[in-house]
Amino acid sequence: MGREPKIIDILLVEDNAGDALLVQKAFELGRIANHIFTVPNGEEALKFLKGEGDYAGSPRPDLIILDLNMPIMDGREALGKIKADPDLLSIPIIVMTTSDDERDIMNSYKLHVNCYITKPVQVRDFLEVIKAIDYFWIGVVSLPGND
């Protein structure tokens, strides 16, 4: 099954610079170059999504990859606020976090996350997860506003 390349805007909400770099490099290794915008916490993510302050004119992302455990505003609170906003709720969100706590998983789905992934510890496995995200969410799924 050949897939037609498409370039999408991804908002990566991740406070760990090493993990953010791994995500970016893994997408670069794919067949297409997506536009990845990185912010360090939920508060900055909401500013980006609303085009506030330094993020004036920022694009509406086609996909959000969200960590849960971050300072200032964690991913749980950000997820709730994004999915409660009628202008933002249609943006698919992938939670990618170190937490495999059943409560985090259940609460994320109750807040309408589209996918929950526990970050692998090994770099090779981490890269495989990003390839799977690329293949499925960019190559297979029809994203709102990107067809």
N, C-alpha and C. Protein backbone atom coordinates (compact mmCIF):
# COMPACT_ATOMS: atom_id res chain seq x y z
N MET A 1 0.85 -1.17 0.00
CA MET A 1 0.00 0.00 0.00
C MET A 1 0.90 1.23 0.00
N GLY A 2 0.96 1.96 -1.12
CA GLY A 2 1.74 3.19 -1.17
C GLY A 2 0.96 4.33 -0.58
N ARG A 3 1.66 5.17 0.12
CA ARG A 3 0.98 6.31 0.71
C ARG A 3 1.47 7.58 0.04
N GLU A 4 0.56 8.47 -0.15
CA GLU A 4 0.91 9.75 -0.74
C GLU A 4 1.47 10.65 0.35
N PRO A 5 2.68 11.18 0.14
CA PRO A 5 3.27 12.03 1.18
C PRO A 5 2.44 13.27 1.44
N LYS A 6 2.30 13.59 2.71
CA LYS A 6 1.66 14.85 3.06
C LYS A 6 2.43 15.44 4.23
N ILE A 7 2.51 16.72 4.24
CA ILE A 7 3.22 17.41 5.29
C ILE A 7 2.18 17.99 6.24
N ILE A 8 2.36 17.71 7.51
CA ILE A 8 1.42 18.22 8.50
C ILE A 8 2.17 19.02 9.55
N ASP A 9 1.41 19.82 10.30
CA ASP A 9 1.95 20.57 11.43
C ASP A 9 1.68 19.77 12.70
N ILE A 10 2.74 19.51 13.46
CA ILE A 10 2.63 18.75 14.70
C ILE A 10 3.06 19.66 15.84
N LEU A 11 2.24 19.71 16.88
CA LEU A 11 2.63 20.41 18.10
C LEU A 11 3.10 19.36 19.09
N LEU A 12 4.37 19.41 19.45
CA LEU A 12 4.95 18.51 20.42
C LEU A 12 5.04 19.25 21.76
N VAL A 13 4.35 18.75 22.76
CA VAL A 13 4.33 19.37 24.08
C VAL A 13 5.17 18.46 24.97
N GLU A 14 6.43 18.85 25.18
CA GLU A 14 7.40 17.98 25.84
C GLU A 14 8.44 18.84 26.56
N ASP A 15 8.61 18.59 27.86
CA ASP A 15 9.58 19.37 28.63
C ASP A 15 10.98 18.77 28.61
N ASN A 16 11.11 17.51 28.22
CA ASN A 16 12.41 16.86 28.18
C ASN A 16 13.05 17.11 26.82
N ALA A 17 14.11 17.91 26.80
CA ALA A 17 14.76 18.29 25.54
C ALA A 17 15.28 17.08 24.77
N GLY A 18 15.77 16.07 25.49
CA GLY A 18 16.27 14.86 24.84
C GLY A 18 15.16 14.10 24.13
N ASP A 19 14.02 13.95 24.79
CA ASP A 19 12.88 13.27 24.17
C ASP A 19 12.35 14.08 22.98
N ALA A 20 12.31 15.40 23.12
CA ALA A 20 11.85 16.25 22.02
C ALA A 20 12.75 16.08 20.80
N LEU A 21 14.06 16.04 21.03
CA LEU A 21 15.01 15.86 19.93
C LEU A 21 14.84 14.49 19.29
N LEU A 22 14.63 13.46 20.11
CA LEU A 22 14.41 12.12 19.56
C LEU A 22 13.17 12.07 18.67
N VAL A 23 12.10 12.71 19.11
CA VAL A 23 10.88 12.74 18.29
C VAL A 23 11.16 13.43 16.97
N GLN A 24 11.81 14.59 17.02
CA GLN A 24 12.11 15.33 15.80
C GLN A 24 12.99 14.52 14.85
N LYS A 25 14.04 13.90 15.38
CA LYS A 25 14.96 13.10 14.55
C LYS A 25 14.24 11.89 13.96
N ALA A 26 13.38 11.26 14.74
CA ALA A 26 12.65 10.10 14.23
C ALA A 26 11.74 10.48 13.07
N PHE A 27 11.07 11.63 13.18
CA PHE A 27 10.24 12.07 12.06
C PHE A 27 11.10 12.43 10.85
N GLU A 28 12.27 12.99 11.08
CA GLU A 28 13.18 13.33 9.97
C GLU A 28 13.62 12.08 9.22
N LEU A 29 13.75 10.96 9.94
CA LEU A 29 14.16 9.71 9.30
C LEU A 29 13.06 9.13 8.42
N GLY A 30 11.83 9.60 8.61
CA GLY A 30 10.70 9.16 7.78
C GLY A 30 10.81 9.73 6.38
N ARG A 31 9.86 9.41 5.57
CA ARG A 31 9.89 9.84 4.17
C ARG A 31 9.49 11.29 3.95
N ILE A 32 8.90 11.90 4.92
CA ILE A 32 8.45 13.28 4.72
C ILE A 32 8.91 14.14 5.89
N ALA A 33 9.00 15.42 5.62
CA ALA A 33 9.44 16.37 6.65
C ALA A 33 8.22 17.12 7.17
N ASN A 34 7.77 16.75 8.33
CA ASN A 34 6.66 17.45 8.95
C ASN A 34 7.17 18.72 9.62
N HIS A 35 6.29 19.63 9.86
CA HIS A 35 6.64 20.83 10.62
C HIS A 35 6.35 20.52 12.07
N ILE A 36 7.38 20.47 12.91
CA ILE A 36 7.20 20.15 14.32
C ILE A 36 7.51 21.39 15.14
N PHE A 37 6.53 21.80 15.91
CA PHE A 37 6.66 22.94 16.81
C PHE A 37 6.69 22.37 18.22
N THR A 38 7.68 22.76 19.02
CA THR A 38 7.84 22.20 20.36
C THR A 38 7.63 23.28 21.42
N VAL A 39 6.83 22.96 22.41
CA VAL A 39 6.65 23.83 23.58
C VAL A 39 6.88 22.98 24.82
N PRO A 40 7.32 23.60 25.95
CA PRO A 40 7.75 22.82 27.11
C PRO A 40 6.68 22.47 28.14
N ASN A 41 5.46 22.96 27.98
CA ASN A 41 4.43 22.66 28.98
C ASN A 41 3.04 22.99 28.45
N GLY A 42 2.03 22.62 29.21
CA GLY A 42 0.65 22.83 28.79
C GLY A 42 0.26 24.29 28.64
N GLU A 43 0.79 25.13 29.50
CA GLU A 43 0.48 26.56 29.42
C GLU A 43 0.96 27.14 28.08
N GLU A 44 2.18 26.79 27.69
CA GLU A 44 2.71 27.26 26.41
C GLU A 44 1.93 26.63 25.24
N ALA A 45 1.50 25.39 25.41
CA ALA A 45 0.71 24.73 24.36
C ALA A 45 -0.58 25.50 24.10
N LEU A 46 -1.26 25.90 25.18
CA LEU A 46 -2.52 26.64 25.01
C LEU A 46 -2.27 28.00 24.35
N LYS A 47 -1.18 28.66 24.73
CA LYS A 47 -0.83 29.93 24.08
C LYS A 47 -0.57 29.71 22.59
N PHE A 48 0.15 28.64 22.25
CA PHE A 48 0.43 28.32 20.85
C PHE A 48 -0.88 28.08 20.10
N LEU A 49 -1.74 27.27 20.68
CA LEU A 49 -3.00 26.90 20.02
C LEU A 49 -3.92 28.11 19.83
N LYS A 50 -3.83 29.08 20.72
CA LYS A 50 -4.67 30.27 20.61
C LYS A 50 -3.96 31.43 19.93
N GLY A 51 -2.70 31.23 19.53
CA GLY A 51 -1.94 32.27 18.85
C GLY A 51 -1.66 33.48 19.71
N GLU A 52 -1.39 33.25 20.99
CA GLU A 52 -1.17 34.35 21.93
C GLU A 52 0.31 34.65 22.12
N GLY A 53 0.63 35.92 22.39
CA GLY A 53 1.99 36.34 22.73
C GLY A 53 2.99 36.00 21.64
N ASP A 54 4.06 35.32 22.02
CA ASP A 54 5.10 34.94 21.06
C ASP A 54 4.59 34.00 19.98
N TYR A 55 3.43 33.44 20.17
CA TYR A 55 2.89 32.47 19.22
C TYR A 55 1.86 33.08 18.27
N ALA A 56 1.79 34.40 18.22
CA ALA A 56 0.86 35.06 17.29
C ALA A 56 1.17 34.57 15.88
N GLY A 57 0.15 34.17 15.17
CA GLY A 57 0.32 33.70 13.80
C GLY A 57 0.76 32.25 13.70
N SER A 58 0.81 31.55 14.82
CA SER A 58 1.21 30.13 14.77
C SER A 58 0.14 29.33 14.03
N PRO A 59 0.57 28.29 13.31
CA PRO A 59 -0.41 27.48 12.57
C PRO A 59 -1.22 26.60 13.51
N ARG A 60 -2.41 26.25 13.07
CA ARG A 60 -3.21 25.28 13.83
C ARG A 60 -2.62 23.91 13.54
N PRO A 61 -2.17 23.21 14.58
CA PRO A 61 -1.56 21.90 14.30
C PRO A 61 -2.60 20.88 13.84
N ASP A 62 -2.13 19.94 13.04
CA ASP A 62 -2.98 18.84 12.57
C ASP A 62 -3.00 17.71 13.60
N LEU A 63 -1.98 17.70 14.47
CA LEU A 63 -1.82 16.64 15.45
C LEU A 63 -1.03 17.19 16.63
N ILE A 64 -1.39 16.75 17.85
CA ILE A 64 -0.66 17.15 19.06
C ILE A 64 -0.11 15.89 19.70
N ILE A 65 1.19 15.92 20.04
CA ILE A 65 1.80 14.86 20.83
C ILE A 65 2.09 15.47 22.19
N LEU A 66 1.49 14.92 23.23
CA LEU A 66 1.45 15.55 24.54
C LEU A 66 2.03 14.66 25.63
N ASP A 67 3.03 15.18 26.35
CA ASP A 67 3.54 14.51 27.54
C ASP A 67 2.60 14.83 28.70
N LEU A 68 2.54 13.98 29.70
CA LEU A 68 1.68 14.26 30.86
C LEU A 68 2.44 14.96 31.98
N ASN A 69 3.66 14.54 32.23
CA ASN A 69 4.40 15.02 33.40
C ASN A 69 5.31 16.18 33.02
N MET A 70 4.79 17.40 33.22
CA MET A 70 5.53 18.61 32.88
C MET A 70 5.30 19.66 33.96
N PRO A 71 6.23 20.62 34.06
CA PRO A 71 6.04 21.70 35.04
C PRO A 71 5.01 22.72 34.57
N ILE A 72 4.65 23.61 35.43
CA ILE A 72 3.75 24.75 35.21
C ILE A 72 2.32 24.29 34.96
N MET A 73 2.02 23.72 33.80
CA MET A 73 0.72 23.09 33.56
C MET A 73 1.01 21.74 32.94
N ASP A 74 0.62 20.67 33.64
CA ASP A 74 0.94 19.34 33.12
C ASP A 74 0.00 18.96 31.97
N GLY A 75 0.30 17.83 31.36
CA GLY A 75 -0.46 17.39 30.21
C GLY A 75 -1.90 17.01 30.52
N ARG A 76 -2.16 16.57 31.74
CA ARG A 76 -3.53 16.21 32.12
C ARG A 76 -4.43 17.44 32.07
N GLU A 77 -3.95 18.53 32.68
CA GLU A 77 -4.74 19.76 32.68
C GLU A 77 -4.86 20.33 31.27
N ALA A 78 -3.75 20.30 30.51
CA ALA A 78 -3.79 20.82 29.14
C ALA A 78 -4.76 20.01 28.28
N LEU A 79 -4.73 18.69 28.42
CA LEU A 79 -5.64 17.83 27.66
C LEU A 79 -7.08 18.20 27.95
N GLY A 80 -7.41 18.36 29.22
CA GLY A 80 -8.78 18.75 29.60
C GLY A 80 -9.19 20.08 28.99
N LYS A 81 -8.30 21.06 29.03
CA LYS A 81 -8.62 22.39 28.49
C LYS A 81 -8.75 22.37 26.97
N ILE A 82 -7.88 21.62 26.30
CA ILE A 82 -7.95 21.55 24.83
C ILE A 82 -9.25 20.88 24.40
N LYS A 83 -9.57 19.76 25.02
CA LYS A 83 -10.77 19.02 24.62
C LYS A 83 -12.06 19.70 25.08
N ALA A 84 -11.97 20.65 26.01
CA ALA A 84 -13.15 21.41 26.43
C ALA A 84 -13.38 22.64 25.56
N ASP A 85 -12.42 22.98 24.71
CA ASP A 85 -12.52 24.16 23.86
C ASP A 85 -13.09 23.76 22.50
N PRO A 86 -14.28 24.26 22.15
CA PRO A 86 -14.91 23.86 20.89
C PRO A 86 -14.07 24.16 19.65
N ASP A 87 -13.19 25.16 19.73
CA ASP A 87 -12.33 25.49 18.59
C ASP A 87 -11.13 24.55 18.47
N LEU A 88 -10.83 23.80 19.52
CA LEU A 88 -9.63 22.97 19.52
C LEU A 88 -9.92 21.47 19.61
N LEU A 89 -11.11 21.11 20.05
CA LEU A 89 -11.37 19.71 20.38
C LEU A 89 -11.22 18.74 19.22
N SER A 90 -11.29 19.20 17.99
CA SER A 90 -11.17 18.28 16.86
C SER A 90 -9.72 17.93 16.52
N ILE A 91 -8.76 18.60 17.15
CA ILE A 91 -7.36 18.29 16.88
C ILE A 91 -7.03 16.97 17.60
N PRO A 92 -6.60 15.95 16.86
CA PRO A 92 -6.25 14.69 17.50
C PRO A 92 -5.04 14.86 18.43
N ILE A 93 -5.12 14.19 19.58
CA ILE A 93 -4.05 14.27 20.57
C ILE A 93 -3.56 12.87 20.91
N ILE A 94 -2.24 12.70 20.82
CA ILE A 94 -1.58 11.48 21.25
C ILE A 94 -0.87 11.80 22.56
N VAL A 95 -1.22 11.11 23.63
CA VAL A 95 -0.45 11.23 24.86
C VAL A 95 0.72 10.27 24.73
N MET A 96 1.93 10.80 24.91
CA MET A 96 3.14 9.98 24.91
C MET A 96 3.91 10.34 26.17
N THR A 97 3.92 9.43 27.13
CA THR A 97 4.42 9.73 28.46
C THR A 97 5.12 8.53 29.08
N THR A 98 5.87 8.77 30.13
CA THR A 98 6.52 7.67 30.84
C THR A 98 5.54 6.92 31.74
N SER A 99 4.39 7.52 32.03
CA SER A 99 3.44 6.92 32.96
C SER A 99 2.68 5.75 32.32
N ASP A 100 2.74 4.60 33.01
CA ASP A 100 1.90 3.48 32.60
C ASP A 100 0.84 3.21 33.67
N ASP A 101 0.60 4.23 34.50
CA ASP A 101 -0.39 4.16 35.57
C ASP A 101 -1.79 4.04 34.96
N GLU A 102 -2.51 3.03 35.37
CA GLU A 102 -3.86 2.77 34.82
C GLU A 102 -4.78 3.98 35.00
N ARG A 103 -4.62 4.72 36.09
CA ARG A 103 -5.45 5.92 36.31
C ARG A 103 -5.17 6.99 35.26
N ASP A 104 -3.88 7.18 34.92
CA ASP A 104 -3.54 8.15 33.87
C ASP A 104 -4.13 7.73 32.53
N ILE A 105 -4.04 6.44 32.24
CA ILE A 105 -4.58 5.94 30.97
C ILE A 105 -6.10 6.16 30.93
N MET A 106 -6.81 5.74 31.97
CA MET A 106 -8.27 5.88 32.01
C MET A 106 -8.69 7.35 31.97
N ASN A 107 -8.03 8.18 32.78
CA ASN A 107 -8.39 9.60 32.81
C ASN A 107 -8.12 10.28 31.47
N SER A 108 -7.04 9.89 30.79
CA SER A 108 -6.75 10.48 29.49
C SER A 108 -7.85 10.14 28.48
N TYR A 109 -8.28 8.89 28.48
CA TYR A 109 -9.35 8.51 27.56
C TYR A 109 -10.69 9.16 27.95
N LYS A 110 -10.91 9.34 29.24
CA LYS A 110 -12.13 10.05 29.66
C LYS A 110 -12.11 11.50 29.19
N LEU A 111 -10.90 12.05 29.03
CA LEU A 111 -10.76 13.42 28.53
C LEU A 111 -10.68 13.46 26.99
N HIS A 112 -10.94 12.31 26.36
CA HIS A 112 -11.04 12.18 24.91
C HIS A 112 -9.71 12.24 24.18
N VAL A 113 -8.63 11.71 24.80
CA VAL A 113 -7.39 11.57 24.06
C VAL A 113 -7.64 10.56 22.95
N ASN A 114 -6.93 10.70 21.85
CA ASN A 114 -7.14 9.80 20.72
C ASN A 114 -6.25 8.56 20.78
N CYS A 115 -5.17 8.66 21.55
CA CYS A 115 -4.23 7.55 21.62
C CYS A 115 -3.34 7.76 22.84
N TYR A 116 -3.00 6.69 23.55
CA TYR A 116 -2.14 6.78 24.73
C TYR A 116 -0.97 5.83 24.53
N ILE A 117 0.24 6.36 24.57
CA ILE A 117 1.45 5.57 24.37
C ILE A 117 2.38 5.78 25.56
N THR A 118 2.87 4.68 26.13
CA THR A 118 3.89 4.77 27.17
C THR A 118 5.25 4.81 26.47
N LYS A 119 6.04 5.84 26.79
CA LYS A 119 7.35 6.00 26.14
C LYS A 119 8.24 4.80 26.44
N PRO A 120 8.79 4.22 25.39
CA PRO A 120 9.76 3.15 25.63
C PRO A 120 11.06 3.72 26.22
N VAL A 121 11.77 2.88 26.95
CA VAL A 121 13.01 3.30 27.58
C VAL A 121 14.17 3.25 26.58
N GLN A 122 14.20 2.23 25.76
CA GLN A 122 15.28 2.06 24.79
C GLN A 122 15.09 2.99 23.59
N VAL A 123 16.18 3.62 23.15
CA VAL A 123 16.12 4.56 22.03
C VAL A 123 15.57 3.88 20.77
N ARG A 124 16.03 2.67 20.48
CA ARG A 124 15.56 1.96 19.28
C ARG A 124 14.04 1.77 19.32
N ASP A 125 13.51 1.40 20.49
CA ASP A 125 12.07 1.21 20.63
C ASP A 125 11.33 2.54 20.53
N PHE A 126 11.92 3.59 21.09
CA PHE A 126 11.34 4.94 21.00
C PHE A 126 11.21 5.34 19.53
N LEU A 127 12.27 5.11 18.75
CA LEU A 127 12.23 5.45 17.32
C LEU A 127 11.17 4.64 16.58
N GLU A 128 11.00 3.38 16.96
CA GLU A 128 9.97 2.54 16.34
C GLU A 128 8.56 3.08 16.63
N VAL A 129 8.35 3.58 17.84
CA VAL A 129 7.06 4.16 18.20
C VAL A 129 6.78 5.39 17.33
N ILE A 130 7.78 6.24 17.14
CA ILE A 130 7.59 7.43 16.31
C ILE A 130 7.32 7.03 14.86
N LYS A 131 8.01 6.00 14.37
CA LYS A 131 7.74 5.51 13.00
C LYS A 131 6.29 5.04 12.89
N ALA A 132 5.81 4.36 13.93
CA ALA A 132 4.42 3.86 13.93
C ALA A 132 3.44 5.03 13.94
N ILE A 133 3.74 6.06 14.73
CA ILE A 133 2.90 7.28 14.72
C ILE A 133 2.88 7.89 13.33
N ASP A 134 4.07 8.01 12.74
CA ASP A 134 4.18 8.58 11.40
C ASP A 134 3.35 7.76 10.40
N TYR A 135 3.54 6.46 10.43
CA TYR A 135 2.83 5.61 9.48
C TYR A 135 1.31 5.72 9.66
N PHE A 136 0.85 5.54 10.89
CA PHE A 136 -0.59 5.51 11.12
C PHE A 136 -1.24 6.89 11.06
N TRP A 137 -0.75 7.83 11.86
CA TRP A 137 -1.42 9.13 11.99
C TRP A 137 -1.18 10.05 10.81
N ILE A 138 -0.11 9.83 10.07
CA ILE A 138 0.18 10.70 8.93
C ILE A 138 -0.06 9.97 7.61
N GLY A 139 0.25 8.67 7.58
CA GLY A 139 0.10 7.93 6.34
C GLY A 139 -1.24 7.28 6.12
N VAL A 140 -1.96 6.95 7.19
CA VAL A 140 -3.21 6.19 7.06
C VAL A 140 -4.44 7.04 7.41
N VAL A 141 -4.40 7.69 8.55
CA VAL A 141 -5.56 8.41 9.08
C VAL A 141 -5.84 9.69 8.30
N SER A 142 -7.11 9.99 8.11
CA SER A 142 -7.51 11.30 7.56
C SER A 142 -7.66 12.26 8.73
N LEU A 143 -6.80 13.27 8.75
CA LEU A 143 -6.84 14.27 9.81
C LEU A 143 -7.76 15.41 9.41
N PRO A 144 -8.43 16.02 10.38
CA PRO A 144 -9.32 17.15 10.06
C PRO A 144 -8.55 18.27 9.37
N GLY A 145 -9.07 18.75 8.25
CA GLY A 145 -8.48 19.89 7.57
C GLY A 145 -7.22 19.59 6.80
N ASN A 146 -6.86 18.31 6.61
CA ASN A 146 -5.61 18.00 5.92
C ASN A 146 -5.81 17.02 4.78
N ASP A 147 -6.99 16.91 4.27
CA ASP A 147 -7.22 15.95 3.17
C ASP A 147 -7.16 16.63 1.82
